[in-house]
N, C-alpha and C. Protein backbone atom coordinates (compact mmCIF):
# COMPACT_ATOMS: atom_id res chain seq x y z
N UNK A 1 0.85 -1.16 0.00
CA UNK A 1 0.00 0.00 0.00
C UNK A 1 0.90 1.23 0.00
N UNK A 2 0.58 2.18 -0.85
CA UNK A 2 1.32 3.43 -0.94
C UNK A 2 0.36 4.57 -0.61
N UNK A 3 0.71 5.39 0.38
CA UNK A 3 -0.16 6.49 0.75
C UNK A 3 0.64 7.58 1.47
N UNK A 4 -0.08 8.58 1.93
CA UNK A 4 0.52 9.69 2.68
C UNK A 4 0.28 9.46 4.17
N UNK A 5 1.08 10.09 5.04
CA UNK A 5 0.94 9.88 6.48
C UNK A 5 -0.46 10.14 7.02
N UNK A 6 -1.16 11.13 6.48
CA UNK A 6 -2.50 11.44 6.99
C UNK A 6 -3.45 10.26 6.83
N UNK A 7 -3.31 9.49 5.75
CA UNK A 7 -4.18 8.32 5.55
C UNK A 7 -3.86 7.25 6.59
N UNK A 8 -2.57 6.99 6.81
CA UNK A 8 -2.20 6.01 7.84
C UNK A 8 -2.72 6.44 9.21
N UNK A 9 -2.63 7.73 9.49
CA UNK A 9 -3.13 8.26 10.76
C UNK A 9 -4.63 8.00 10.90
N UNK A 10 -5.38 8.28 9.85
CA UNK A 10 -6.84 8.07 9.89
C UNK A 10 -7.19 6.59 10.00
N UNK A 11 -6.42 5.73 9.34
CA UNK A 11 -6.67 4.29 9.44
C UNK A 11 -6.39 3.80 10.87
N UNK A 12 -5.36 4.34 11.49
CA UNK A 12 -5.10 4.02 12.90
C UNK A 12 -6.24 4.47 13.78
N UNK A 13 -6.67 5.72 13.59
CA UNK A 13 -7.77 6.26 14.39
C UNK A 13 -9.05 5.44 14.23
N UNK A 14 -9.26 4.90 13.04
CA UNK A 14 -10.47 4.10 12.78
C UNK A 14 -10.31 2.65 13.26
N UNK A 15 -9.13 2.30 13.76
CA UNK A 15 -8.90 0.95 14.27
C UNK A 15 -8.74 -0.10 13.19
N UNK A 16 -8.35 0.31 11.98
CA UNK A 16 -8.26 -0.63 10.86
C UNK A 16 -6.90 -1.32 10.70
N UNK A 17 -5.85 -0.75 11.26
CA UNK A 17 -4.51 -1.33 11.07
C UNK A 17 -4.42 -2.79 11.51
N UNK A 18 -5.04 -3.20 12.62
CA UNK A 18 -4.90 -4.61 13.03
C UNK A 18 -5.88 -5.58 12.36
N UNK A 19 -6.72 -5.10 11.47
CA UNK A 19 -7.70 -5.99 10.84
C UNK A 19 -7.02 -6.94 9.86
N UNK A 20 -7.63 -8.11 9.61
CA UNK A 20 -7.01 -9.08 8.70
C UNK A 20 -6.69 -8.51 7.31
N UNK A 21 -7.53 -7.63 6.80
CA UNK A 21 -7.28 -7.07 5.46
C UNK A 21 -5.97 -6.29 5.42
N UNK A 22 -5.70 -5.50 6.45
CA UNK A 22 -4.47 -4.72 6.46
C UNK A 22 -3.26 -5.56 6.90
N UNK A 23 -3.47 -6.50 7.78
CA UNK A 23 -2.35 -7.36 8.21
C UNK A 23 -1.89 -8.27 7.08
N UNK A 24 -2.75 -8.51 6.08
CA UNK A 24 -2.41 -9.39 4.96
C UNK A 24 -1.45 -8.73 3.97
N UNK A 25 -1.38 -7.41 3.97
CA UNK A 25 -0.47 -6.72 3.07
C UNK A 25 0.97 -6.89 3.56
N UNK A 26 1.90 -7.00 2.62
CA UNK A 26 3.30 -7.22 2.99
C UNK A 26 4.06 -5.94 3.26
N UNK A 27 3.77 -4.88 2.51
CA UNK A 27 4.54 -3.64 2.65
C UNK A 27 3.63 -2.43 2.63
N UNK A 28 4.03 -1.43 3.40
CA UNK A 28 3.38 -0.13 3.43
C UNK A 28 4.44 0.91 3.13
N UNK A 29 4.13 1.83 2.23
CA UNK A 29 5.07 2.88 1.86
C UNK A 29 4.38 4.22 2.06
N UNK A 30 5.12 5.17 2.59
CA UNK A 30 4.60 6.52 2.80
C UNK A 30 5.50 7.51 2.08
N UNK A 31 4.88 8.50 1.47
CA UNK A 31 5.60 9.59 0.82
C UNK A 31 4.66 10.78 0.73
N UNK A 32 5.15 11.88 0.24
CA UNK A 32 4.31 13.06 0.06
C UNK A 32 4.48 14.09 1.15
N UNK A 33 4.80 13.65 2.34
CA UNK A 33 5.10 14.53 3.46
C UNK A 33 5.80 13.67 4.51
N UNK A 34 6.43 14.31 5.47
CA UNK A 34 7.19 13.59 6.50
C UNK A 34 6.25 12.70 7.32
N UNK A 35 6.67 11.46 7.55
CA UNK A 35 5.92 10.52 8.39
C UNK A 35 6.36 10.69 9.84
N UNK A 36 5.47 11.17 10.71
CA UNK A 36 5.86 11.32 12.12
C UNK A 36 6.22 9.97 12.75
N UNK A 37 7.28 9.92 13.56
CA UNK A 37 7.68 8.66 14.19
C UNK A 37 6.55 8.02 15.01
N UNK A 38 5.66 8.84 15.57
CA UNK A 38 4.56 8.30 16.37
C UNK A 38 3.63 7.44 15.52
N UNK A 39 3.35 7.88 14.29
CA UNK A 39 2.49 7.10 13.38
C UNK A 39 3.24 5.85 12.94
N UNK A 40 4.51 5.99 12.61
CA UNK A 40 5.36 4.84 12.23
C UNK A 40 5.25 3.75 13.29
N UNK A 41 5.52 4.11 14.55
CA UNK A 41 5.54 3.15 15.65
C UNK A 41 4.16 2.58 15.95
N UNK A 42 3.14 3.43 15.96
CA UNK A 42 1.78 2.97 16.25
C UNK A 42 1.28 2.01 15.17
N UNK A 43 1.61 2.30 13.91
CA UNK A 43 1.17 1.42 12.82
C UNK A 43 1.83 0.05 12.94
N UNK A 44 3.13 0.02 13.18
CA UNK A 44 3.82 -1.26 13.27
C UNK A 44 3.32 -2.06 14.47
N UNK A 45 3.06 -1.39 15.59
CA UNK A 45 2.54 -2.08 16.78
C UNK A 45 1.14 -2.64 16.52
N UNK A 46 0.29 -1.89 15.83
CA UNK A 46 -1.08 -2.32 15.59
C UNK A 46 -1.21 -3.31 14.45
N UNK A 47 -0.44 -3.09 13.38
CA UNK A 47 -0.61 -3.89 12.18
C UNK A 47 0.42 -4.96 11.93
N UNK A 48 1.53 -4.91 12.68
CA UNK A 48 2.54 -5.94 12.53
C UNK A 48 3.54 -5.72 11.41
N UNK A 49 3.36 -4.68 10.62
CA UNK A 49 4.30 -4.38 9.53
C UNK A 49 4.69 -2.91 9.60
N UNK A 50 5.95 -2.60 9.27
CA UNK A 50 6.36 -1.20 9.30
C UNK A 50 5.86 -0.42 8.09
N UNK A 51 5.78 0.88 8.26
CA UNK A 51 5.57 1.79 7.12
C UNK A 51 6.96 2.22 6.68
N UNK A 52 7.27 2.08 5.41
CA UNK A 52 8.57 2.46 4.87
C UNK A 52 8.45 3.86 4.27
N UNK A 53 8.98 4.84 4.97
CA UNK A 53 8.89 6.23 4.53
C UNK A 53 9.98 6.51 3.50
N UNK A 54 9.71 7.46 2.61
CA UNK A 54 10.69 7.82 1.61
C UNK A 54 10.41 9.17 0.99
N UNK A 55 11.32 9.61 0.14
CA UNK A 55 11.17 10.87 -0.58
C UNK A 55 11.23 10.58 -2.07
N UNK A 56 10.21 11.01 -2.76
CA UNK A 56 10.19 10.98 -4.21
C UNK A 56 9.97 12.40 -4.71
N UNK A 57 10.12 12.60 -5.98
CA UNK A 57 9.98 13.94 -6.54
C UNK A 57 9.53 13.79 -7.98
N UNK A 58 8.50 14.49 -8.37
CA UNK A 58 7.98 14.39 -9.74
C UNK A 58 9.07 14.62 -10.78
N UNK A 59 9.95 15.58 -10.53
CA UNK A 59 11.00 15.90 -11.49
C UNK A 59 12.01 14.76 -11.66
N UNK A 60 12.05 13.85 -10.71
CA UNK A 60 13.03 12.77 -10.73
C UNK A 60 12.41 11.41 -11.11
N UNK A 61 11.09 11.34 -11.17
CA UNK A 61 10.34 10.18 -11.62
C UNK A 61 10.63 8.93 -10.79
N UNK A 62 11.10 9.07 -9.59
CA UNK A 62 11.60 7.91 -8.86
C UNK A 62 11.73 8.27 -7.39
N UNK A 63 11.61 7.28 -6.52
CA UNK A 63 11.89 7.51 -5.11
C UNK A 63 13.41 7.59 -4.95
N UNK A 64 13.89 8.66 -4.36
CA UNK A 64 15.34 8.89 -4.27
C UNK A 64 15.94 8.53 -2.92
N UNK A 65 15.13 8.61 -1.89
CA UNK A 65 15.53 8.23 -0.53
C UNK A 65 14.45 7.31 -0.01
N UNK A 66 14.85 6.22 0.64
CA UNK A 66 13.82 5.33 1.15
C UNK A 66 14.32 4.41 2.25
N UNK A 67 13.40 4.07 3.15
CA UNK A 67 13.64 3.02 4.12
C UNK A 67 13.28 1.70 3.46
N UNK A 68 13.93 0.64 3.85
CA UNK A 68 13.65 -0.69 3.32
C UNK A 68 13.32 -1.61 4.50
N UNK A 69 12.73 -2.77 4.24
CA UNK A 69 12.46 -3.68 5.36
C UNK A 69 13.74 -4.06 6.12
N UNK A 70 14.87 -4.09 5.43
CA UNK A 70 16.13 -4.48 6.07
C UNK A 70 16.82 -3.32 6.79
N UNK A 71 16.68 -2.10 6.27
CA UNK A 71 17.35 -0.93 6.85
C UNK A 71 16.34 0.20 6.95
N UNK A 72 15.93 0.47 8.17
CA UNK A 72 14.92 1.51 8.37
C UNK A 72 15.13 2.19 9.71
N UNK A 73 14.69 3.44 9.75
CA UNK A 73 14.81 4.22 10.98
C UNK A 73 13.60 5.14 11.10
N UNK A 74 12.79 4.96 12.17
CA UNK A 74 11.64 5.84 12.37
C UNK A 74 12.07 7.30 12.40
N UNK A 75 11.30 8.16 11.75
CA UNK A 75 11.58 9.58 11.71
C UNK A 75 12.49 9.99 10.58
N UNK A 76 13.03 9.00 9.85
CA UNK A 76 13.91 9.33 8.73
C UNK A 76 13.20 9.03 7.42
N UNK A 77 13.69 9.63 6.34
CA UNK A 77 13.21 9.28 4.99
C UNK A 77 13.95 8.06 4.48
N UNK A 78 15.05 7.69 5.13
CA UNK A 78 15.79 6.50 4.75
C UNK A 78 17.17 6.81 4.20
N UNK A 79 17.63 5.91 3.33
CA UNK A 79 18.95 5.99 2.71
C UNK A 79 18.82 6.27 1.22
N UNK A 80 19.90 6.71 0.60
CA UNK A 80 19.89 6.93 -0.86
C UNK A 80 19.55 5.62 -1.55
N UNK A 81 18.67 5.67 -2.53
CA UNK A 81 18.31 4.49 -3.30
C UNK A 81 19.42 4.18 -4.30
N UNK A 82 19.49 2.94 -4.80
CA UNK A 82 20.53 2.59 -5.77
C UNK A 82 20.51 3.51 -7.00
N UNK A 83 21.69 3.91 -7.44
CA UNK A 83 21.81 4.77 -8.62
C UNK A 83 21.57 6.24 -8.37
N UNK A 84 21.36 6.62 -7.10
CA UNK A 84 21.07 8.01 -6.74
C UNK A 84 22.25 8.60 -5.99
N UNK A 85 22.71 9.77 -6.43
CA UNK A 85 23.73 10.52 -5.70
C UNK A 85 23.02 11.65 -4.95
N UNK A 86 23.37 11.83 -3.70
CA UNK A 86 22.78 12.88 -2.88
C UNK A 86 23.88 13.75 -2.29
N UNK A 87 23.55 15.02 -2.11
CA UNK A 87 24.44 15.89 -1.36
C UNK A 87 23.59 16.94 -0.68
N UNK A 88 24.11 17.44 0.42
CA UNK A 88 23.46 18.52 1.17
C UNK A 88 24.38 19.72 1.08
N UNK A 89 23.80 20.86 0.68
CA UNK A 89 24.59 22.08 0.50
C UNK A 89 24.01 23.21 1.33
N UNK A 90 24.86 24.21 1.64
CA UNK A 90 24.37 25.39 2.34
C UNK A 90 23.83 26.40 1.32
N UNK A 91 23.45 27.58 1.80
CA UNK A 91 22.86 28.58 0.92
C UNK A 91 23.80 29.04 -0.18
N UNK A 92 25.10 28.95 0.05
CA UNK A 92 26.09 29.35 -0.96
C UNK A 92 26.43 28.21 -1.92
N UNK A 93 25.88 27.02 -1.68
CA UNK A 93 26.16 25.88 -2.54
C UNK A 93 27.34 25.03 -2.09
N UNK A 94 27.89 25.34 -0.92
CA UNK A 94 29.01 24.57 -0.38
C UNK A 94 28.49 23.25 0.20
N UNK A 95 29.15 22.16 -0.14
CA UNK A 95 28.72 20.85 0.33
C UNK A 95 28.95 20.74 1.83
N UNK A 96 27.91 20.28 2.55
CA UNK A 96 27.99 20.06 3.99
C UNK A 96 28.20 18.56 4.21
N UNK A 97 29.43 18.15 4.29
CA UNK A 97 29.77 16.73 4.37
C UNK A 97 29.66 16.17 5.79
N UNK A 98 29.69 17.04 6.79
CA UNK A 98 29.65 16.59 8.18
C UNK A 98 28.23 16.17 8.56
N UNK A 99 28.05 14.98 9.14
CA UNK A 99 26.71 14.55 9.56
C UNK A 99 26.10 15.52 10.56
N UNK A 100 24.77 15.62 10.53
CA UNK A 100 24.06 16.45 11.48
C UNK A 100 23.87 17.90 11.06
N UNK A 101 24.39 18.29 9.92
CA UNK A 101 24.25 19.66 9.44
C UNK A 101 23.04 19.73 8.50
N UNK A 102 22.14 20.66 8.76
CA UNK A 102 20.96 20.83 7.91
C UNK A 102 21.29 21.74 6.74
N UNK A 103 20.85 21.32 5.56
CA UNK A 103 21.06 22.11 4.35
C UNK A 103 20.08 21.69 3.28
N UNK A 104 20.32 22.17 2.09
CA UNK A 104 19.44 21.92 0.95
C UNK A 104 19.84 20.63 0.24
N UNK A 105 18.86 19.79 -0.02
CA UNK A 105 19.12 18.51 -0.68
C UNK A 105 19.23 18.69 -2.18
N UNK A 106 20.29 18.13 -2.75
CA UNK A 106 20.46 18.08 -4.20
C UNK A 106 20.66 16.63 -4.62
N UNK A 107 20.13 16.28 -5.79
CA UNK A 107 20.12 14.91 -6.29
C UNK A 107 20.68 14.88 -7.70
N UNK A 108 21.47 13.84 -7.98
CA UNK A 108 21.93 13.61 -9.35
C UNK A 108 21.63 12.15 -9.68
N UNK A 109 20.93 11.97 -10.80
CA UNK A 109 20.56 10.63 -11.25
C UNK A 109 20.11 10.69 -12.70
N UNK A 110 20.06 9.58 -13.40
CA UNK A 110 19.74 9.60 -14.83
C UNK A 110 18.32 10.06 -15.17
N UNK A 111 17.37 9.93 -14.24
CA UNK A 111 15.98 10.21 -14.61
C UNK A 111 15.50 11.63 -14.32
N UNK A 112 16.40 12.60 -14.10
CA UNK A 112 15.98 13.99 -13.89
C UNK A 112 15.27 14.48 -15.15
N UNK A 113 14.13 15.12 -14.96
CA UNK A 113 13.36 15.60 -16.11
C UNK A 113 14.14 16.67 -16.88
N UNK A 114 13.71 16.93 -18.09
CA UNK A 114 14.38 17.91 -18.95
C UNK A 114 14.10 19.34 -18.52
N UNK A 115 13.05 19.56 -17.75
CA UNK A 115 12.68 20.90 -17.31
C UNK A 115 11.17 21.00 -17.15
N UNK A 116 10.68 22.22 -17.07
CA UNK A 116 9.26 22.49 -16.87
C UNK A 116 8.64 23.05 -18.15
N UNK A 117 7.36 22.82 -18.30
CA UNK A 117 6.60 23.37 -19.42
C UNK A 117 5.44 24.19 -18.87
N UNK A 118 5.16 25.28 -19.52
CA UNK A 118 4.01 26.11 -19.17
C UNK A 118 2.88 25.81 -20.16
N UNK A 119 1.67 26.11 -19.76
CA UNK A 119 0.50 25.78 -20.57
C UNK A 119 0.56 26.41 -21.96
N UNK A 120 1.19 27.58 -22.07
CA UNK A 120 1.22 28.26 -23.38
C UNK A 120 2.50 27.98 -24.18
N UNK A 121 3.34 27.06 -23.72
CA UNK A 121 4.54 26.68 -24.47
C UNK A 121 4.17 25.91 -25.73
N UNK A 122 4.94 26.14 -26.78
CA UNK A 122 4.79 25.35 -28.00
C UNK A 122 5.61 24.07 -27.84
N UNK A 123 5.20 22.99 -28.48
CA UNK A 123 5.98 21.75 -28.37
C UNK A 123 7.44 21.91 -28.78
N UNK A 124 7.73 22.83 -29.66
CA UNK A 124 9.11 23.04 -30.10
C UNK A 124 9.92 23.90 -29.13
N UNK A 125 9.26 24.56 -28.18
CA UNK A 125 9.97 25.39 -27.20
C UNK A 125 10.81 24.51 -26.28
N UNK A 126 12.01 24.97 -25.92
CA UNK A 126 12.80 24.19 -24.96
C UNK A 126 12.15 24.26 -23.58
N UNK A 127 12.33 23.23 -22.75
CA UNK A 127 11.76 23.28 -21.40
C UNK A 127 12.44 24.36 -20.57
N UNK A 128 11.69 24.89 -19.61
CA UNK A 128 12.23 25.89 -18.68
C UNK A 128 13.08 25.15 -17.65
N UNK A 129 14.29 25.65 -17.43
CA UNK A 129 15.23 25.05 -16.48
C UNK A 129 15.73 26.11 -15.50
N UNK A 130 14.89 26.45 -14.50
CA UNK A 130 15.31 27.49 -13.55
C UNK A 130 16.64 27.11 -12.89
N UNK A 131 17.57 28.08 -12.87
CA UNK A 131 18.91 27.84 -12.32
C UNK A 131 18.87 27.43 -10.85
N UNK A 132 17.86 27.90 -10.11
CA UNK A 132 17.80 27.54 -8.69
C UNK A 132 17.41 26.08 -8.48
N UNK A 133 16.94 25.41 -9.53
CA UNK A 133 16.59 23.98 -9.44
C UNK A 133 17.55 23.09 -10.25
N UNK A 134 17.86 23.49 -11.46
CA UNK A 134 18.69 22.68 -12.36
C UNK A 134 20.10 23.24 -12.40
N UNK A 135 21.03 22.56 -11.75
CA UNK A 135 22.41 23.01 -11.69
C UNK A 135 23.14 22.63 -12.98
N UNK A 136 24.10 23.44 -13.42
CA UNK A 136 24.81 23.14 -14.67
C UNK A 136 25.63 21.85 -14.61
N UNK A 137 25.98 21.38 -13.40
CA UNK A 137 26.78 20.16 -13.28
C UNK A 137 25.91 18.90 -13.14
N UNK A 138 24.60 19.03 -13.43
CA UNK A 138 23.72 17.87 -13.42
C UNK A 138 22.97 17.61 -12.13
N UNK A 139 23.23 18.40 -11.11
CA UNK A 139 22.51 18.24 -9.84
C UNK A 139 21.17 18.95 -9.90
N UNK A 140 20.16 18.37 -9.24
CA UNK A 140 18.83 18.96 -9.16
C UNK A 140 18.54 19.32 -7.71
N UNK A 141 18.16 20.57 -7.46
CA UNK A 141 17.82 21.03 -6.11
C UNK A 141 16.34 20.76 -5.87
N UNK A 142 16.03 19.88 -4.91
CA UNK A 142 14.64 19.47 -4.66
C UNK A 142 13.81 20.53 -3.97
N UNK A 143 14.45 21.44 -3.25
CA UNK A 143 13.70 22.41 -2.45
C UNK A 143 13.47 21.92 -1.04
N UNK A 144 14.03 20.75 -0.70
CA UNK A 144 13.87 20.18 0.64
C UNK A 144 15.10 20.45 1.49
N UNK A 145 14.86 20.69 2.76
CA UNK A 145 15.93 20.82 3.76
C UNK A 145 16.11 19.45 4.41
N UNK A 146 17.34 18.97 4.46
CA UNK A 146 17.63 17.66 5.03
C UNK A 146 18.89 17.72 5.87
N UNK A 147 19.02 16.72 6.74
CA UNK A 147 20.29 16.45 7.38
C UNK A 147 20.52 14.95 7.28
N UNK A 148 21.79 14.56 7.27
CA UNK A 148 22.16 13.16 7.24
C UNK A 148 22.77 12.82 8.60
N UNK A 149 22.29 11.72 9.21
CA UNK A 149 22.84 11.34 10.51
C UNK A 149 24.13 10.53 10.33
N UNK A 150 24.74 10.15 11.43
CA UNK A 150 26.04 9.46 11.36
C UNK A 150 25.94 8.06 10.74
N UNK A 151 24.73 7.50 10.67
CA UNK A 151 24.54 6.18 10.04
C UNK A 151 24.13 6.29 8.58
N UNK A 152 24.06 7.52 8.04
CA UNK A 152 23.73 7.71 6.64
C UNK A 152 22.25 7.93 6.35
N UNK A 153 21.38 7.88 7.37
CA UNK A 153 19.95 8.11 7.16
C UNK A 153 19.68 9.60 7.00
N UNK A 154 18.77 9.92 6.09
CA UNK A 154 18.41 11.31 5.80
C UNK A 154 17.13 11.66 6.55
N UNK A 155 17.12 12.87 7.14
CA UNK A 155 15.99 13.35 7.93
C UNK A 155 15.48 14.67 7.36
N UNK A 156 14.20 14.69 7.00
CA UNK A 156 13.58 15.88 6.42
C UNK A 156 13.41 16.95 7.48
N UNK A 157 13.76 18.18 7.15
CA UNK A 157 13.66 19.29 8.08
C UNK A 157 12.80 20.43 7.58
N UNK A 158 12.21 20.31 6.41
CA UNK A 158 11.35 21.37 5.90
C UNK A 158 11.61 21.64 4.43
N UNK A 159 11.12 22.78 3.98
CA UNK A 159 11.26 23.18 2.59
C UNK A 159 12.08 24.46 2.52
N UNK A 160 12.71 24.69 1.37
CA UNK A 160 13.54 25.87 1.13
C UNK A 160 12.81 26.81 0.19
N UNK A 161 12.50 28.00 0.64
CA UNK A 161 11.98 29.03 -0.25
C UNK A 161 10.57 28.82 -0.75
N UNK A 162 9.96 27.74 -0.40
CA UNK A 162 8.57 27.53 -0.77
C UNK A 162 7.96 26.63 0.28
N UNK A 163 6.68 26.39 0.15
CA UNK A 163 6.01 25.50 1.07
C UNK A 163 5.05 24.66 0.25
N UNK A 164 4.56 23.60 0.84
CA UNK A 164 3.65 22.74 0.11
C UNK A 164 2.42 22.43 0.95
N UNK A 165 1.45 21.78 0.34
CA UNK A 165 0.24 21.42 1.04
C UNK A 165 0.54 20.38 2.10
N UNK A 166 0.07 20.62 3.29
CA UNK A 166 0.23 19.66 4.38
C UNK A 166 -1.15 19.28 4.88
N UNK A 167 -1.42 18.01 5.01
CA UNK A 167 -2.72 17.53 5.43
C UNK A 167 -3.17 18.21 6.70
N UNK A 168 -4.44 18.56 6.73
CA UNK A 168 -5.09 19.17 7.88
C UNK A 168 -4.62 20.59 8.18
N UNK A 169 -3.77 21.17 7.34
CA UNK A 169 -3.31 22.52 7.57
C UNK A 169 -3.76 23.47 6.47
N UNK A 170 -4.32 22.94 5.38
CA UNK A 170 -4.75 23.77 4.28
C UNK A 170 -3.59 24.17 3.39
N UNK A 171 -3.89 24.95 2.40
CA UNK A 171 -2.85 25.35 1.45
C UNK A 171 -2.03 26.48 2.03
N UNK A 172 -0.78 26.47 1.68
CA UNK A 172 0.13 27.51 2.07
C UNK A 172 0.95 27.85 0.84
N UNK A 173 1.75 28.86 0.89
CA UNK A 173 2.45 29.34 -0.29
C UNK A 173 3.14 28.20 -1.03
N UNK A 174 3.02 28.18 -2.35
CA UNK A 174 3.60 27.13 -3.17
C UNK A 174 4.47 27.74 -4.24
N UNK A 175 5.65 27.17 -4.47
CA UNK A 175 6.55 27.61 -5.53
C UNK A 175 5.94 27.22 -6.87
N UNK A 176 5.78 28.16 -7.76
CA UNK A 176 5.13 27.90 -9.04
C UNK A 176 6.04 27.16 -10.02
N UNK A 177 7.33 27.07 -9.77
CA UNK A 177 8.28 26.34 -10.63
C UNK A 177 8.12 26.73 -12.09
N UNK A 178 7.93 28.00 -12.35
CA UNK A 178 7.84 28.46 -13.73
C UNK A 178 6.43 28.36 -14.31
N UNK A 179 5.48 27.90 -13.53
CA UNK A 179 4.12 27.81 -14.04
C UNK A 179 3.47 29.18 -14.02
N UNK A 180 2.50 29.42 -14.90
CA UNK A 180 1.94 30.77 -15.01
C UNK A 180 1.03 31.19 -13.86
N UNK A 181 0.59 30.28 -13.02
CA UNK A 181 -0.29 30.67 -11.91
C UNK A 181 -0.19 29.64 -10.79
N UNK A 182 -0.77 30.02 -9.66
CA UNK A 182 -0.83 29.14 -8.50
C UNK A 182 -2.29 29.06 -8.07
N UNK A 183 -2.76 27.86 -7.78
CA UNK A 183 -4.11 27.71 -7.26
C UNK A 183 -4.03 27.52 -5.76
N UNK A 184 -4.89 28.20 -5.04
CA UNK A 184 -4.92 28.07 -3.59
C UNK A 184 -6.13 27.23 -3.19
N UNK A 185 -5.94 26.46 -2.14
CA UNK A 185 -7.01 25.62 -1.62
C UNK A 185 -7.13 25.88 -0.15
N UNK A 186 -8.31 26.02 0.41
CA UNK A 186 -9.58 26.00 -0.31
C UNK A 186 -9.79 27.29 -1.10
N UNK A 187 -10.60 27.21 -2.17
CA UNK A 187 -10.83 28.42 -2.96
C UNK A 187 -11.54 29.49 -2.13
N UNK A 188 -11.21 30.72 -2.41
CA UNK A 188 -11.90 31.81 -1.71
C UNK A 188 -13.32 31.90 -2.24
N UNK A 189 -14.25 32.12 -1.33
CA UNK A 189 -15.67 32.20 -1.75
C UNK A 189 -16.18 33.61 -1.64
């Protein structure tokens, strides 16, 4: 089962995690927002299987950080997935190699998208590649703040320069990534 933390939280509240239908599933994966350690632990205690939290990104077409059944840590997004290079940089772009330092996550991998398209772009137009996201050396800046612990696990600490929708909190400012407009939720009436 693949879902967001809010769904797992609601399933716990409804008492469904220990039911035969949910206990029959082999794996649970969470993405889309940080999975609180309390939900991680409560789900495993009630349902008998861990939730494997991770980080994916539309621009990368792939989960880039993930916990696995063999290597997992509550409260973390996990470890770099195979074929993925990760680095954490400060505001000046300097690599923060020391564990425990929070900075901006950058990813390099073969599946980085070519760029962004706007609704009024012609098919022959080149994709938009904002410099703050697409680095000339092939690294992609996700917009996420992370730290890496001494065991190599990555821990999400927030967003850089933009914010995203968080369950039960409503819409908050969103980076348009070159798109011509931003929709807010709930709509103003």
